[in-house]
Protein backbone atom coordinates (compact mmCIF):
# COMPACT_ATOMS: atom_id res chain seq x y z
CA UNK A 1 24.26 -8.21 26.33
CA UNK A 2 22.14 -10.03 23.77
CA UNK A 3 24.17 -10.29 20.56
CA UNK A 4 21.08 -10.71 18.38
CA UNK A 5 19.50 -7.56 19.82
CA UNK A 6 22.73 -5.63 19.29
CA UNK A 7 22.95 -6.76 15.65
CA UNK A 8 19.35 -5.69 15.07
CA UNK A 9 20.15 -2.24 16.48
CA UNK A 10 23.21 -1.98 14.22
CA UNK A 11 21.12 -2.91 11.17
CA UNK A 12 18.50 -0.31 12.09
CA UNK A 13 21.18 2.34 12.49
CA UNK A 14 22.69 1.39 9.11
CA UNK A 15 19.28 1.71 7.45
CA UNK A 16 18.74 5.13 9.02
CA UNK A 17 22.21 6.29 7.94
CA UNK A 18 21.57 5.12 4.38
CA UNK A 19 18.28 7.04 4.38
CA UNK A 20 20.05 10.18 5.61
CA UNK A 21 22.74 9.83 2.96
CA UNK A 22 20.05 9.50 0.29
CA UNK A 23 18.22 12.54 1.71
CA UNK A 24 21.43 14.59 1.58
CA UNK A 25 21.48 14.19 -2.21
CA UNK A 26 18.40 16.42 -2.42
CA UNK A 27 19.54 18.98 0.16
CA UNK A 28 21.17 22.18 -1.09
CA UNK A 29 23.50 24.73 0.47
CA UNK A 30 24.85 27.84 -1.18
CA UNK A 31 27.66 30.23 -0.49
CA UNK A 32 28.80 33.49 -1.99
CA UNK A 33 32.01 35.47 -2.21
CA UNK A 34 32.94 38.93 -3.36
CA UNK A 35 29.74 40.47 -2.06
CA UNK A 36 27.63 37.99 -4.01
CA UNK A 37 29.58 38.22 -7.24
CA UNK A 38 30.29 34.47 -7.11
CA UNK A 39 27.73 31.93 -5.89
CA UNK A 40 28.25 28.18 -5.49
CA UNK A 41 25.41 25.73 -4.87
CA UNK A 42 26.37 22.33 -3.47
CA UNK A 43 24.33 19.27 -2.57
CA UNK A 44 24.40 17.74 0.88
CA UNK A 45 26.42 14.84 -0.52
CA UNK A 46 29.19 17.28 -1.48
CA UNK A 47 28.53 17.63 -5.21
CA UNK A 48 28.89 21.08 -6.77
CA UNK A 49 25.60 21.70 -8.51
CA UNK A 50 26.21 25.15 -9.95
CA UNK A 51 28.59 28.10 -10.03
CA UNK A 52 27.23 31.53 -10.89
CA UNK A 53 29.56 34.41 -11.71
CA UNK A 54 28.34 37.99 -12.07
CA UNK A 55 29.76 39.35 -15.35
CA UNK A 56 31.01 42.37 -13.42
CA UNK A 57 33.42 40.03 -11.60
CA UNK A 58 35.22 39.20 -14.83
CA UNK A 59 38.24 41.44 -15.17
CA UNK A 60 40.82 40.12 -17.66
CA UNK A 61 43.48 42.13 -15.86
CA UNK A 62 42.71 40.51 -12.49
CA UNK A 63 41.95 36.84 -13.11
CA UNK A 64 43.43 35.93 -9.72
CA UNK A 65 40.68 37.83 -7.89
CA UNK A 66 37.98 35.84 -9.69
CA UNK A 67 39.83 32.59 -8.98
CA UNK A 68 40.05 33.51 -5.30
CA UNK A 69 36.33 34.30 -5.15
CA UNK A 70 35.41 30.98 -6.79
CA UNK A 71 37.69 29.10 -4.37
CA UNK A 72 36.29 30.98 -1.36
CA UNK A 73 32.66 30.36 -2.33
CA UNK A 74 33.36 26.69 -3.06
CA UNK A 75 35.15 26.19 0.25
CA UNK A 76 32.32 27.87 2.15
CA UNK A 77 29.72 25.73 0.38
CA UNK A 78 31.75 22.63 1.19
CA UNK A 79 31.94 23.63 4.86
CA UNK A 80 28.17 24.25 4.96
CA UNK A 81 27.40 20.92 3.25
CA UNK A 82 29.66 19.04 5.67
CA UNK A 83 28.02 20.78 8.61
CA UNK A 84 24.58 19.82 7.26
CA UNK A 85 25.65 16.19 6.80
CA UNK A 86 27.22 16.03 10.25
CA UNK A 87 24.12 17.42 11.94
CA UNK A 88 21.84 14.97 10.13
CA UNK A 89 24.12 12.03 10.94
CA UNK A 90 24.38 13.12 14.57
CA UNK A 91 20.61 12.73 14.81
CA UNK A 92 21.02 9.07 13.78
CA UNK A 93 24.17 8.22 15.72
CA UNK A 94 23.26 10.15 18.85
CA UNK A 95 26.26 12.40 18.38
CA UNK A 96 28.78 9.56 18.32
CA UNK A 97 31.64 10.01 15.93
CA UNK A 98 31.81 6.75 14.00
CA UNK A 99 34.84 6.50 11.70
CA UNK A 100 34.07 5.96 8.02
CA UNK A 101 30.51 7.28 8.03
CA UNK A 102 31.24 10.68 6.51
C-alpha cells in the first residue's frame, strides 16, 4: 500500500472529524423528566446549555424527588447527545470504532 496515499486519507478523515466536532457544538438535544416538569438542553459536544424546572416541581418537603428528576433528565440528555455524536462520527469513520475520538 502507498504510504503517502494512506497518510492523505488519514488527514482527510481528521479534517472531517474536526468539522463534525465543530458542528456538534451547534447541535441541541433535550430531555425531560417528571412528565415534563424538568427539561435539560445539551449541546452535541456534551455541554449542558439549560435546565428548566416547572415551579410546580418544587416541593420543599420532597427535595429528593426534584433532584432525581434533574439527574434523570440530565442523564437522558447526555445519552441523546452521545448518540448524536456517535452517529455523526460513524458517517465519517464508516462505522469503525476508533479509540480516543469520542
